[in-house]
Amino acid sequence: MLASILLMTAAVALADVPPVPGLCSAPVPENRDAPGCYKTGEIDLADAPNEIFWHVYLYPTLADANAEAARHRWAAVAQAHSRTWLYVLGDESEPISGGTRRAVVGPLHLSADRSTAHFSEAIFPPGMQTRVHSHPGPEAFYVVEGEQCMETPTDKRLIAAGGTYIVERGPHLQAAPKGRRNLVLIIAPKGQPAVVPGRRLGTDRLL
């Protein structure tokens, strides 16, 4: 497994990698299967604690998800990858009724007095990859389908469907040799962009 990740890293370093369409900030396009990363919602984390968890639940209907979201201070509903999702930010033991729990991701550490949680859906067809890029706060994701390769200055990882990963901050890159669909959370200080775009050929090397 490690060898395959190292090969992926070498390919990224040698390729002139284009930006990911949408950059996790553009609205979801009409074609819901378009490759890229597109924003599905956000939450203003006013007076949030320094440490929170991201609860990812799957619901049968939009009405069910909205009803449960109304019970929580920091919650958002998204329709992504032909499914209805409820995202709740809070304690690790946050009580959530109905739906099917898919993941509890955390802890996520907030560095600003006031932050914004940015939610996105991402589709990478086989072979798609990012440039080296960063975020001003933690990025977390849940792999819905396929598998994702991750590289940071201190870690290399292959995450299968159903898996999660957190990048606290700093430069990193992602690739999907076999394709993948993700749910994405980026927490950034309020007013700051969630994504710091990556660099072009010759700089896409971390280690």
N, C-alpha and C. Protein backbone atom coordinates (compact mmCIF):
# COMPACT_ATOMS: atom_id res chain seq x y z
N MET A 1 0.83 -1.20 0.00
CA MET A 1 0.00 0.00 0.00
C MET A 1 0.87 1.26 0.00
N LEU A 2 1.90 1.28 0.87
CA LEU A 2 2.78 2.44 0.94
C LEU A 2 3.46 2.68 -0.40
N ALA A 3 3.87 1.59 -1.08
CA ALA A 3 4.53 1.75 -2.37
C ALA A 3 3.62 2.43 -3.37
N SER A 4 2.32 2.08 -3.36
CA SER A 4 1.39 2.69 -4.31
C SER A 4 1.22 4.17 -4.03
N ILE A 5 1.23 4.53 -2.74
CA ILE A 5 1.12 5.94 -2.39
C ILE A 5 2.36 6.71 -2.83
N LEU A 6 3.54 6.10 -2.66
CA LEU A 6 4.77 6.77 -3.08
C LEU A 6 4.78 6.97 -4.59
N LEU A 7 4.28 6.01 -5.33
CA LEU A 7 4.20 6.15 -6.78
C LEU A 7 3.25 7.27 -7.15
N MET A 8 2.12 7.35 -6.45
CA MET A 8 1.19 8.43 -6.70
C MET A 8 1.84 9.78 -6.45
N THR A 9 2.62 9.89 -5.37
CA THR A 9 3.28 11.14 -5.05
C THR A 9 4.26 11.55 -6.16
N ALA A 10 5.01 10.59 -6.67
CA ALA A 10 5.96 10.89 -7.74
C ALA A 10 5.24 11.39 -8.98
N ALA A 11 4.09 10.79 -9.30
CA ALA A 11 3.33 11.22 -10.47
C ALA A 11 2.83 12.65 -10.30
N VAL A 12 2.36 12.96 -9.09
CA VAL A 12 1.88 14.32 -8.83
C VAL A 12 3.00 15.32 -8.99
N ALA A 13 4.18 14.98 -8.48
CA ALA A 13 5.30 15.92 -8.52
C ALA A 13 5.72 16.22 -9.95
N LEU A 14 5.53 15.27 -10.88
CA LEU A 14 5.98 15.46 -12.25
C LEU A 14 4.91 16.04 -13.17
N ALA A 15 3.68 16.10 -12.71
CA ALA A 15 2.59 16.54 -13.57
C ALA A 15 2.30 18.02 -13.37
N ASP A 16 1.84 18.67 -14.44
CA ASP A 16 1.37 20.04 -14.34
C ASP A 16 -0.10 19.97 -13.96
N VAL A 17 -0.36 19.91 -12.67
CA VAL A 17 -1.70 19.61 -12.16
C VAL A 17 -2.58 20.85 -12.22
N PRO A 18 -3.75 20.78 -12.86
CA PRO A 18 -4.66 21.93 -12.90
C PRO A 18 -5.38 22.10 -11.57
N PRO A 19 -5.95 23.29 -11.31
CA PRO A 19 -6.74 23.47 -10.09
C PRO A 19 -7.96 22.56 -10.10
N VAL A 20 -8.43 22.21 -8.92
CA VAL A 20 -9.65 21.43 -8.82
C VAL A 20 -10.84 22.32 -9.16
N PRO A 21 -11.69 21.92 -10.09
CA PRO A 21 -12.87 22.74 -10.42
C PRO A 21 -13.71 23.02 -9.18
N GLY A 22 -14.13 24.26 -9.03
CA GLY A 22 -14.96 24.66 -7.90
C GLY A 22 -14.21 25.11 -6.68
N LEU A 23 -13.00 24.58 -6.47
CA LEU A 23 -12.15 24.93 -5.32
C LEU A 23 -12.91 24.89 -3.99
N CYS A 24 -13.90 24.03 -3.89
CA CYS A 24 -14.69 23.85 -2.66
C CYS A 24 -15.40 25.13 -2.22
N SER A 25 -15.56 26.09 -3.14
CA SER A 25 -16.21 27.35 -2.81
C SER A 25 -17.30 27.74 -3.80
N ALA A 26 -17.26 27.23 -5.01
CA ALA A 26 -18.29 27.52 -6.01
C ALA A 26 -19.55 26.71 -5.71
N PRO A 27 -20.72 27.20 -6.11
CA PRO A 27 -21.94 26.41 -5.89
C PRO A 27 -21.94 25.13 -6.70
N VAL A 28 -22.74 24.18 -6.27
CA VAL A 28 -22.85 22.90 -6.97
C VAL A 28 -23.41 23.13 -8.37
N PRO A 29 -22.77 22.60 -9.41
CA PRO A 29 -23.25 22.81 -10.77
C PRO A 29 -24.53 22.01 -11.05
N GLU A 30 -25.18 22.36 -12.15
CA GLU A 30 -26.40 21.65 -12.53
C GLU A 30 -26.13 20.17 -12.74
N ASN A 31 -24.98 19.86 -13.33
CA ASN A 31 -24.57 18.48 -13.49
C ASN A 31 -23.95 18.00 -12.18
N ARG A 32 -24.71 17.26 -11.39
CA ARG A 32 -24.26 16.86 -10.06
C ARG A 32 -23.12 15.85 -10.11
N ASP A 33 -22.82 15.30 -11.28
CA ASP A 33 -21.72 14.35 -11.41
C ASP A 33 -20.46 15.00 -11.98
N ALA A 34 -20.44 16.33 -12.07
CA ALA A 34 -19.27 17.03 -12.60
C ALA A 34 -18.09 16.88 -11.65
N PRO A 35 -16.90 16.58 -12.16
CA PRO A 35 -15.73 16.48 -11.29
C PRO A 35 -15.42 17.82 -10.61
N GLY A 36 -14.92 17.75 -9.40
CA GLY A 36 -14.52 18.96 -8.68
C GLY A 36 -14.97 18.91 -7.24
N CYS A 37 -14.87 20.07 -6.58
CA CYS A 37 -15.26 20.22 -5.18
C CYS A 37 -16.15 21.46 -5.08
N TYR A 38 -17.40 21.28 -4.63
CA TYR A 38 -18.39 22.35 -4.68
C TYR A 38 -19.07 22.51 -3.32
N LYS A 39 -19.34 23.75 -2.99
CA LYS A 39 -19.87 24.09 -1.66
C LYS A 39 -21.34 23.73 -1.54
N THR A 40 -21.70 23.10 -0.41
CA THR A 40 -23.09 22.73 -0.16
C THR A 40 -23.69 23.48 1.02
N GLY A 41 -22.88 24.22 1.77
CA GLY A 41 -23.44 24.98 2.90
C GLY A 41 -22.35 25.46 3.83
N GLU A 42 -22.77 26.25 4.82
CA GLU A 42 -21.82 26.73 5.83
C GLU A 42 -22.56 27.03 7.12
N ILE A 43 -21.81 27.07 8.22
CA ILE A 43 -22.35 27.39 9.53
C ILE A 43 -21.43 28.41 10.19
N ASP A 44 -22.03 29.46 10.77
CA ASP A 44 -21.28 30.43 11.55
C ASP A 44 -21.10 29.86 12.96
N LEU A 45 -19.87 29.58 13.34
CA LEU A 45 -19.58 28.95 14.62
C LEU A 45 -19.35 30.00 15.70
N ALA A 46 -20.34 30.82 15.95
CA ALA A 46 -20.22 31.84 16.99
C ALA A 46 -20.18 31.19 18.36
N ASP A 47 -19.21 31.62 19.17
CA ASP A 47 -19.07 31.13 20.55
C ASP A 47 -18.85 29.62 20.63
N ALA A 48 -18.25 29.07 19.60
CA ALA A 48 -17.98 27.62 19.61
C ALA A 48 -16.80 27.32 20.54
N PRO A 49 -16.77 26.12 21.10
CA PRO A 49 -15.61 25.74 21.92
C PRO A 49 -14.38 25.55 21.04
N ASN A 50 -13.23 25.41 21.66
CA ASN A 50 -11.99 25.26 20.91
C ASN A 50 -11.86 23.89 20.25
N GLU A 51 -12.68 22.94 20.68
CA GLU A 51 -12.61 21.58 20.16
C GLU A 51 -14.02 21.08 19.88
N ILE A 52 -14.26 20.63 18.64
CA ILE A 52 -15.58 20.13 18.27
C ILE A 52 -15.43 18.85 17.44
N PHE A 53 -16.56 18.17 17.27
CA PHE A 53 -16.61 16.95 16.46
C PHE A 53 -17.65 17.13 15.36
N TRP A 54 -17.37 16.50 14.22
CA TRP A 54 -18.26 16.53 13.06
C TRP A 54 -19.00 15.19 12.99
N HIS A 55 -20.32 15.25 13.17
CA HIS A 55 -21.16 14.07 13.08
C HIS A 55 -21.79 14.00 11.69
N VAL A 56 -21.62 12.89 11.02
CA VAL A 56 -22.12 12.70 9.65
C VAL A 56 -23.20 11.62 9.69
N TYR A 57 -24.43 12.01 9.37
CA TYR A 57 -25.57 11.09 9.40
C TYR A 57 -26.27 11.07 8.04
N LEU A 58 -26.78 9.91 7.70
CA LEU A 58 -27.52 9.71 6.46
C LEU A 58 -29.00 9.57 6.81
N TYR A 59 -29.87 10.31 6.08
CA TYR A 59 -31.31 10.31 6.36
C TYR A 59 -32.09 9.88 5.13
N PRO A 60 -33.25 9.25 5.34
CA PRO A 60 -34.03 8.78 4.20
C PRO A 60 -34.69 9.90 3.41
N THR A 61 -35.05 10.99 4.08
CA THR A 61 -35.73 12.10 3.40
C THR A 61 -35.16 13.43 3.85
N LEU A 62 -35.36 14.44 3.02
CA LEU A 62 -34.93 15.80 3.36
C LEU A 62 -35.71 16.33 4.55
N ALA A 63 -36.99 16.01 4.63
CA ALA A 63 -37.81 16.48 5.75
C ALA A 63 -37.31 15.92 7.07
N ASP A 64 -36.94 14.65 7.09
CA ASP A 64 -36.42 14.04 8.31
C ASP A 64 -35.13 14.71 8.76
N ALA A 65 -34.24 14.97 7.81
CA ALA A 65 -32.97 15.60 8.15
C ALA A 65 -33.17 17.02 8.65
N ASN A 66 -34.05 17.79 8.01
CA ASN A 66 -34.31 19.15 8.45
C ASN A 66 -34.93 19.19 9.84
N ALA A 67 -35.80 18.23 10.13
CA ALA A 67 -36.43 18.19 11.45
C ALA A 67 -35.40 17.96 12.54
N GLU A 68 -34.46 17.06 12.30
CA GLU A 68 -33.42 16.81 13.29
C GLU A 68 -32.45 17.98 13.38
N ALA A 69 -32.12 18.60 12.25
CA ALA A 69 -31.20 19.74 12.25
C ALA A 69 -31.72 20.88 13.13
N ALA A 70 -33.04 21.05 13.17
CA ALA A 70 -33.63 22.14 13.96
C ALA A 70 -33.40 21.97 15.45
N ARG A 71 -33.02 20.78 15.88
CA ARG A 71 -32.79 20.50 17.30
C ARG A 71 -31.38 20.86 17.75
N HIS A 72 -30.52 21.24 16.82
CA HIS A 72 -29.11 21.45 17.14
C HIS A 72 -28.68 22.88 16.82
N ARG A 73 -27.75 23.39 17.60
CA ARG A 73 -27.27 24.76 17.40
C ARG A 73 -26.47 24.88 16.12
N TRP A 74 -25.57 23.92 15.89
CA TRP A 74 -24.70 23.97 14.70
C TRP A 74 -24.98 22.74 13.84
N ALA A 75 -25.87 22.88 12.89
CA ALA A 75 -26.26 21.76 12.03
C ALA A 75 -26.55 22.27 10.62
N ALA A 76 -26.31 21.41 9.65
CA ALA A 76 -26.59 21.73 8.25
C ALA A 76 -27.05 20.46 7.55
N VAL A 77 -27.91 20.63 6.58
CA VAL A 77 -28.40 19.52 5.77
C VAL A 77 -27.89 19.71 4.35
N ALA A 78 -27.43 18.63 3.74
CA ALA A 78 -26.91 18.69 2.37
C ALA A 78 -27.43 17.49 1.58
N GLN A 79 -27.70 17.73 0.32
CA GLN A 79 -28.01 16.65 -0.60
C GLN A 79 -26.81 16.50 -1.52
N ALA A 80 -26.11 15.40 -1.36
CA ALA A 80 -24.86 15.18 -2.09
C ALA A 80 -24.72 13.71 -2.42
N HIS A 81 -24.17 13.43 -3.59
CA HIS A 81 -23.93 12.05 -4.03
C HIS A 81 -25.22 11.22 -3.98
N SER A 82 -26.33 11.85 -4.41
CA SER A 82 -27.65 11.20 -4.50
C SER A 82 -28.16 10.73 -3.14
N ARG A 83 -27.74 11.40 -2.06
CA ARG A 83 -28.18 11.06 -0.72
C ARG A 83 -28.46 12.33 0.07
N THR A 84 -29.18 12.18 1.18
CA THR A 84 -29.48 13.30 2.07
C THR A 84 -28.68 13.14 3.35
N TRP A 85 -27.89 14.17 3.69
CA TRP A 85 -26.97 14.11 4.82
C TRP A 85 -27.32 15.17 5.87
N LEU A 86 -27.11 14.81 7.12
CA LEU A 86 -27.17 15.77 8.21
C LEU A 86 -25.78 15.89 8.82
N TYR A 87 -25.30 17.13 8.94
CA TYR A 87 -24.02 17.41 9.59
C TYR A 87 -24.31 18.14 10.90
N VAL A 88 -23.80 17.63 11.99
CA VAL A 88 -23.94 18.29 13.28
C VAL A 88 -22.55 18.49 13.86
N LEU A 89 -22.27 19.70 14.31
CA LEU A 89 -21.01 20.02 14.97
C LEU A 89 -21.29 20.21 16.46
N GLY A 90 -20.50 19.56 17.28
CA GLY A 90 -20.72 19.66 18.72
C GLY A 90 -19.83 18.73 19.49
N ASP A 91 -20.32 18.26 20.64
CA ASP A 91 -19.57 17.34 21.48
C ASP A 91 -19.45 15.98 20.80
N GLU A 92 -18.49 15.18 21.26
CA GLU A 92 -18.33 13.84 20.71
C GLU A 92 -19.57 12.99 20.94
N SER A 93 -20.28 13.23 22.03
CA SER A 93 -21.46 12.44 22.37
C SER A 93 -22.76 13.17 22.03
N GLU A 94 -22.71 14.08 21.09
CA GLU A 94 -23.89 14.85 20.69
C GLU A 94 -25.06 13.89 20.40
N PRO A 95 -26.22 14.08 21.07
CA PRO A 95 -27.36 13.18 20.83
C PRO A 95 -28.06 13.52 19.51
N ILE A 96 -28.16 12.54 18.63
CA ILE A 96 -28.78 12.73 17.32
C ILE A 96 -29.78 11.60 17.11
N SER A 97 -31.01 11.97 16.77
CA SER A 97 -32.08 10.98 16.61
C SER A 97 -32.33 10.69 15.14
N GLY A 98 -32.72 9.45 14.86
CA GLY A 98 -33.06 9.08 13.50
C GLY A 98 -31.82 9.02 12.62
N GLY A 99 -32.02 8.63 11.39
CA GLY A 99 -30.90 8.57 10.46
C GLY A 99 -29.93 7.44 10.80
N THR A 100 -28.89 7.36 10.01
CA THR A 100 -27.86 6.34 10.18
C THR A 100 -26.51 7.01 10.34
N ARG A 101 -25.84 6.74 11.44
CA ARG A 101 -24.53 7.37 11.66
C ARG A 101 -23.51 6.77 10.71
N ARG A 102 -22.82 7.65 9.99
CA ARG A 102 -21.76 7.22 9.09
C ARG A 102 -20.38 7.49 9.66
N ALA A 103 -20.25 8.58 10.42
CA ALA A 103 -18.93 8.89 10.98
C ALA A 103 -19.06 9.96 12.06
N VAL A 104 -18.13 9.92 13.00
CA VAL A 104 -17.90 11.02 13.93
C VAL A 104 -16.43 11.38 13.79
N VAL A 105 -16.17 12.57 13.31
CA VAL A 105 -14.81 12.97 12.93
C VAL A 105 -14.31 14.03 13.90
N GLY A 106 -13.15 13.80 14.48
CA GLY A 106 -12.61 14.79 15.41
C GLY A 106 -11.65 14.16 16.39
N PRO A 107 -11.16 15.01 17.30
CA PRO A 107 -11.58 16.40 17.48
C PRO A 107 -10.97 17.33 16.42
N LEU A 108 -11.71 18.39 16.13
CA LEU A 108 -11.25 19.46 15.24
C LEU A 108 -10.98 20.68 16.12
N HIS A 109 -9.82 21.28 15.93
CA HIS A 109 -9.38 22.37 16.81
C HIS A 109 -9.57 23.72 16.12
N LEU A 110 -10.32 24.59 16.77
CA LEU A 110 -10.58 25.93 16.25
C LEU A 110 -9.55 26.89 16.83
N SER A 111 -8.94 27.68 15.95
CA SER A 111 -7.87 28.58 16.39
C SER A 111 -8.32 30.03 16.47
N ALA A 112 -9.53 30.33 16.00
CA ALA A 112 -10.01 31.71 15.98
C ALA A 112 -11.17 31.88 16.94
N ASP A 113 -11.38 33.13 17.40
CA ASP A 113 -12.50 33.40 18.29
C ASP A 113 -13.84 33.13 17.59
N ARG A 114 -13.86 33.35 16.28
CA ARG A 114 -15.09 33.10 15.51
C ARG A 114 -14.71 32.46 14.19
N SER A 115 -15.30 31.33 13.89
CA SER A 115 -14.96 30.56 12.70
C SER A 115 -16.20 30.27 11.88
N THR A 116 -15.96 29.86 10.63
CA THR A 116 -17.04 29.41 9.75
C THR A 116 -16.74 27.99 9.32
N ALA A 117 -17.75 27.13 9.38
CA ALA A 117 -17.64 25.76 8.88
C ALA A 117 -18.15 25.73 7.45
N HIS A 118 -17.30 25.34 6.53
CA HIS A 118 -17.63 25.26 5.11
C HIS A 118 -17.78 23.79 4.72
N PHE A 119 -18.95 23.42 4.19
CA PHE A 119 -19.21 22.05 3.77
C PHE A 119 -19.21 21.95 2.25
N SER A 120 -18.63 20.87 1.73
CA SER A 120 -18.55 20.68 0.28
C SER A 120 -18.77 19.22 -0.06
N GLU A 121 -19.09 18.97 -1.32
CA GLU A 121 -19.07 17.63 -1.88
C GLU A 121 -17.99 17.59 -2.94
N ALA A 122 -17.29 16.47 -3.06
CA ALA A 122 -16.19 16.37 -4.01
C ALA A 122 -16.31 15.09 -4.80
N ILE A 123 -16.07 15.20 -6.10
CA ILE A 123 -16.04 14.06 -7.00
C ILE A 123 -14.73 14.10 -7.77
N PHE A 124 -13.92 13.07 -7.61
CA PHE A 124 -12.68 12.92 -8.37
C PHE A 124 -12.80 11.66 -9.23
N PRO A 125 -12.78 11.78 -10.56
CA PRO A 125 -12.73 10.57 -11.39
C PRO A 125 -11.36 9.91 -11.26
N PRO A 126 -11.22 8.68 -11.72
CA PRO A 126 -9.94 7.98 -11.60
C PRO A 126 -8.77 8.81 -12.16
N GLY A 127 -7.73 8.93 -11.36
CA GLY A 127 -6.52 9.65 -11.77
C GLY A 127 -6.50 11.12 -11.41
N MET A 128 -7.62 11.68 -10.96
CA MET A 128 -7.64 13.11 -10.62
C MET A 128 -6.88 13.36 -9.33
N GLN A 129 -6.24 14.52 -9.23
CA GLN A 129 -5.44 14.88 -8.07
C GLN A 129 -5.46 16.39 -7.88
N THR A 130 -5.09 16.82 -6.69
CA THR A 130 -5.01 18.25 -6.39
C THR A 130 -3.57 18.73 -6.55
N ARG A 131 -3.41 20.03 -6.61
CA ARG A 131 -2.09 20.62 -6.38
C ARG A 131 -1.81 20.59 -4.88
N VAL A 132 -0.58 20.86 -4.50
CA VAL A 132 -0.30 21.15 -3.10
C VAL A 132 -1.07 22.41 -2.74
N HIS A 133 -1.84 22.35 -1.67
CA HIS A 133 -2.64 23.49 -1.25
C HIS A 133 -2.78 23.45 0.26
N SER A 134 -3.46 24.45 0.83
CA SER A 134 -3.62 24.50 2.28
C SER A 134 -4.92 25.19 2.63
N HIS A 135 -5.22 25.17 3.92
CA HIS A 135 -6.40 25.82 4.47
C HIS A 135 -6.00 26.56 5.75
N PRO A 136 -6.72 27.63 6.11
CA PRO A 136 -6.36 28.37 7.32
C PRO A 136 -6.80 27.70 8.61
N GLY A 137 -7.46 26.57 8.50
CA GLY A 137 -7.90 25.80 9.66
C GLY A 137 -7.99 24.34 9.28
N PRO A 138 -8.56 23.51 10.13
CA PRO A 138 -8.61 22.08 9.84
C PRO A 138 -9.53 21.74 8.67
N GLU A 139 -9.13 20.71 7.93
CA GLU A 139 -9.98 20.11 6.89
C GLU A 139 -10.23 18.66 7.29
N ALA A 140 -11.49 18.25 7.19
CA ALA A 140 -11.85 16.86 7.46
C ALA A 140 -12.68 16.34 6.31
N PHE A 141 -12.59 15.05 6.07
CA PHE A 141 -13.45 14.49 5.04
C PHE A 141 -13.87 13.07 5.38
N TYR A 142 -14.97 12.68 4.75
CA TYR A 142 -15.51 11.33 4.85
C TYR A 142 -15.60 10.78 3.44
N VAL A 143 -15.02 9.63 3.19
CA VAL A 143 -15.02 9.03 1.86
C VAL A 143 -16.31 8.23 1.68
N VAL A 144 -17.15 8.69 0.75
CA VAL A 144 -18.43 8.04 0.49
C VAL A 144 -18.25 6.81 -0.40
N GLU A 145 -17.48 6.98 -1.46
CA GLU A 145 -17.23 5.89 -2.41
C GLU A 145 -15.78 5.98 -2.89
N GLY A 146 -15.21 4.85 -3.28
CA GLY A 146 -13.85 4.82 -3.82
C GLY A 146 -12.81 4.88 -2.73
N GLU A 147 -11.65 5.46 -3.05
CA GLU A 147 -10.57 5.58 -2.09
C GLU A 147 -9.74 6.81 -2.41
N GLN A 148 -9.12 7.35 -1.39
CA GLN A 148 -8.36 8.59 -1.53
C GLN A 148 -6.96 8.44 -0.97
N CYS A 149 -5.98 8.96 -1.70
CA CYS A 149 -4.61 9.04 -1.22
C CYS A 149 -4.38 10.44 -0.65
N MET A 150 -3.72 10.50 0.50
CA MET A 150 -3.39 11.76 1.15
C MET A 150 -1.90 11.83 1.39
N GLU A 151 -1.34 13.03 1.22
CA GLU A 151 0.05 13.25 1.61
C GLU A 151 0.17 14.60 2.27
N THR A 152 0.77 14.61 3.45
CA THR A 152 1.13 15.84 4.16
C THR A 152 2.64 15.78 4.40
N PRO A 153 3.25 16.82 4.95
CA PRO A 153 4.69 16.75 5.23
C PRO A 153 5.08 15.64 6.21
N THR A 154 4.11 15.11 6.95
CA THR A 154 4.44 14.10 7.97
C THR A 154 3.69 12.79 7.81
N ASP A 155 2.86 12.65 6.78
CA ASP A 155 2.03 11.46 6.69
C ASP A 155 1.69 11.14 5.25
N LYS A 156 1.55 9.86 4.96
CA LYS A 156 1.02 9.37 3.69
C LYS A 156 -0.03 8.33 4.03
N ARG A 157 -1.22 8.42 3.42
CA ARG A 157 -2.29 7.52 3.82
C ARG A 157 -3.21 7.21 2.65
N LEU A 158 -3.74 6.00 2.64
CA LEU A 158 -4.77 5.60 1.69
C LEU A 158 -6.04 5.36 2.49
N ILE A 159 -7.11 6.10 2.18
CA ILE A 159 -8.36 6.03 2.93
C ILE A 159 -9.44 5.42 2.05
N ALA A 160 -9.99 4.30 2.50
CA ALA A 160 -11.02 3.59 1.75
C ALA A 160 -12.40 4.16 2.06
N ALA A 161 -13.40 3.73 1.30
CA ALA A 161 -14.78 4.16 1.52
C ALA A 161 -15.19 3.88 2.97
N GLY A 162 -15.85 4.86 3.57
CA GLY A 162 -16.23 4.76 4.97
C GLY A 162 -15.20 5.32 5.92
N GLY A 163 -14.01 5.66 5.40
CA GLY A 163 -12.94 6.18 6.23
C GLY A 163 -12.97 7.70 6.33
N THR A 164 -12.24 8.23 7.28
CA THR A 164 -12.16 9.67 7.50
C THR A 164 -10.70 10.08 7.66
N TYR A 165 -10.48 11.38 7.56
CA TYR A 165 -9.12 11.90 7.72
C TYR A 165 -9.22 13.37 8.11
N ILE A 166 -8.25 13.84 8.88
CA ILE A 166 -8.18 15.25 9.28
C ILE A 166 -6.81 15.80 8.93
N VAL A 167 -6.78 16.94 8.29
CA VAL A 167 -5.56 17.73 8.09
C VAL A 167 -5.71 18.96 8.97
N GLU A 168 -4.91 19.06 10.01
CA GLU A 168 -5.07 20.18 10.94
C GLU A 168 -4.88 21.53 10.25
N ARG A 169 -3.86 21.61 9.41
CA ARG A 169 -3.62 22.81 8.59
C ARG A 169 -2.29 22.59 7.87
N GLY A 170 -1.94 23.51 6.99
CA GLY A 170 -0.67 23.39 6.30
C GLY A 170 -0.79 22.69 4.95
N PRO A 171 0.33 22.61 4.21
CA PRO A 171 0.31 22.07 2.84
C PRO A 171 0.02 20.58 2.80
N HIS A 172 -0.73 20.18 1.79
CA HIS A 172 -1.03 18.77 1.58
C HIS A 172 -1.54 18.59 0.16
N LEU A 173 -1.64 17.35 -0.27
CA LEU A 173 -2.23 17.05 -1.57
C LEU A 173 -3.06 15.79 -1.46
N GLN A 174 -3.98 15.65 -2.42
CA GLN A 174 -4.89 14.51 -2.46
C GLN A 174 -4.90 13.95 -3.87
N ALA A 175 -5.17 12.66 -3.98
CA ALA A 175 -5.31 12.04 -5.29
C ALA A 175 -6.27 10.86 -5.18
N ALA A 176 -6.88 10.50 -6.31
CA ALA A 176 -7.85 9.41 -6.35
C ALA A 176 -7.52 8.51 -7.54
N PRO A 177 -6.52 7.64 -7.41
CA PRO A 177 -6.12 6.79 -8.54
C PRO A 177 -7.27 5.97 -9.12
N LYS A 178 -8.21 5.55 -8.26
CA LYS A 178 -9.35 4.75 -8.72
C LYS A 178 -10.66 5.53 -8.70
N GLY A 179 -10.60 6.83 -8.38
CA GLY A 179 -11.80 7.65 -8.27
C GLY A 179 -12.37 7.61 -6.86
N ARG A 180 -13.08 8.68 -6.50
CA ARG A 180 -13.71 8.71 -5.18
C ARG A 180 -14.73 9.84 -5.11
N ARG A 181 -15.66 9.71 -4.15
CA ARG A 181 -16.64 10.73 -3.79
C ARG A 181 -16.49 11.00 -2.30
N ASN A 182 -16.41 12.29 -1.94
CA ASN A 182 -16.16 12.71 -0.57
C ASN A 182 -17.19 13.71 -0.08
N LEU A 183 -17.35 13.75 1.24
CA LEU A 183 -17.94 14.88 1.94
C LEU A 183 -16.80 15.61 2.64
N VAL A 184 -16.82 16.94 2.56
CA VAL A 184 -15.69 17.74 3.02
C VAL A 184 -16.15 18.80 4.02
N LEU A 185 -15.39 18.99 5.07
CA LEU A 185 -15.58 20.09 6.02
C LEU A 185 -14.27 20.84 6.16
N ILE A 186 -14.31 22.15 5.95
CA ILE A 186 -13.16 23.02 6.19
C ILE A 186 -13.60 24.10 7.17
N ILE A 187 -12.85 24.26 8.25
CA ILE A 187 -13.15 25.30 9.24
C ILE A 187 -12.10 26.40 9.10
N ALA A 188 -12.57 27.62 8.87
CA ALA A 188 -11.67 28.75 8.65
C ALA A 188 -12.09 29.92 9.53
N PRO A 189 -11.14 30.77 9.94
CA PRO A 189 -11.53 31.98 10.66
C PRO A 189 -12.54 32.78 9.84
N LYS A 190 -13.52 33.32 10.51
CA LYS A 190 -14.59 34.04 9.82
C LYS A 190 -14.02 35.14 8.94
N GLY A 191 -14.44 35.20 7.70
CA GLY A 191 -13.99 36.22 6.75
C GLY A 191 -12.80 35.81 5.92
N GLN A 192 -12.15 34.70 6.27
CA GLN A 192 -11.02 34.23 5.48
C GLN A 192 -11.47 33.16 4.48
N PRO A 193 -10.85 33.11 3.30
CA PRO A 193 -11.19 32.05 2.35
C PRO A 193 -10.83 30.68 2.92
N ALA A 194 -11.66 29.69 2.57
CA ALA A 194 -11.44 28.35 3.10
C ALA A 194 -10.27 27.64 2.44
N VAL A 195 -9.94 28.03 1.20
CA VAL A 195 -8.90 27.34 0.43
C VAL A 195 -7.82 28.32 0.02
N VAL A 196 -6.57 27.95 0.27
CA VAL A 196 -5.42 28.68 -0.26
C VAL A 196 -4.95 27.90 -1.48
N PRO A 197 -5.17 28.43 -2.71
CA PRO A 197 -4.91 27.64 -3.92
C PRO A 197 -3.48 27.14 -3.99
N GLY A 198 -3.33 26.03 -4.73
CA GLY A 198 -2.02 25.39 -4.84
C GLY A 198 -1.14 26.01 -5.88
N ARG A 199 0.06 25.38 -6.03
CA ARG A 199 1.09 25.89 -6.92
C ARG A 199 1.21 25.00 -8.15
N ARG A 200 1.94 25.49 -9.14
CA ARG A 200 2.06 24.78 -10.40
C ARG A 200 3.32 23.92 -10.45
N LEU A 201 3.62 23.40 -11.61
CA LEU A 201 4.72 22.48 -11.81
C LEU A 201 6.02 22.98 -11.21
N GLY A 202 6.75 22.07 -10.58
CA GLY A 202 8.02 22.42 -9.99
C GLY A 202 7.95 22.69 -8.51
N THR A 203 6.70 22.90 -7.98
CA THR A 203 6.54 23.15 -6.53
C THR A 203 5.64 22.14 -5.88
N ASP A 204 5.06 21.20 -6.65
CA ASP A 204 4.14 20.21 -6.09
C ASP A 204 4.91 19.04 -5.48
N ARG A 205 5.74 19.36 -4.51
CA ARG A 205 6.53 18.31 -3.84
C ARG A 205 6.60 18.64 -2.36
N LEU A 206 6.19 17.73 -1.53
CA LEU A 206 6.16 18.01 -0.10
C LEU A 206 7.38 17.46 0.62
N LEU A 207 7.76 16.24 0.26
CA LEU A 207 8.76 15.57 1.06
C LEU A 207 10.06 15.38 0.29
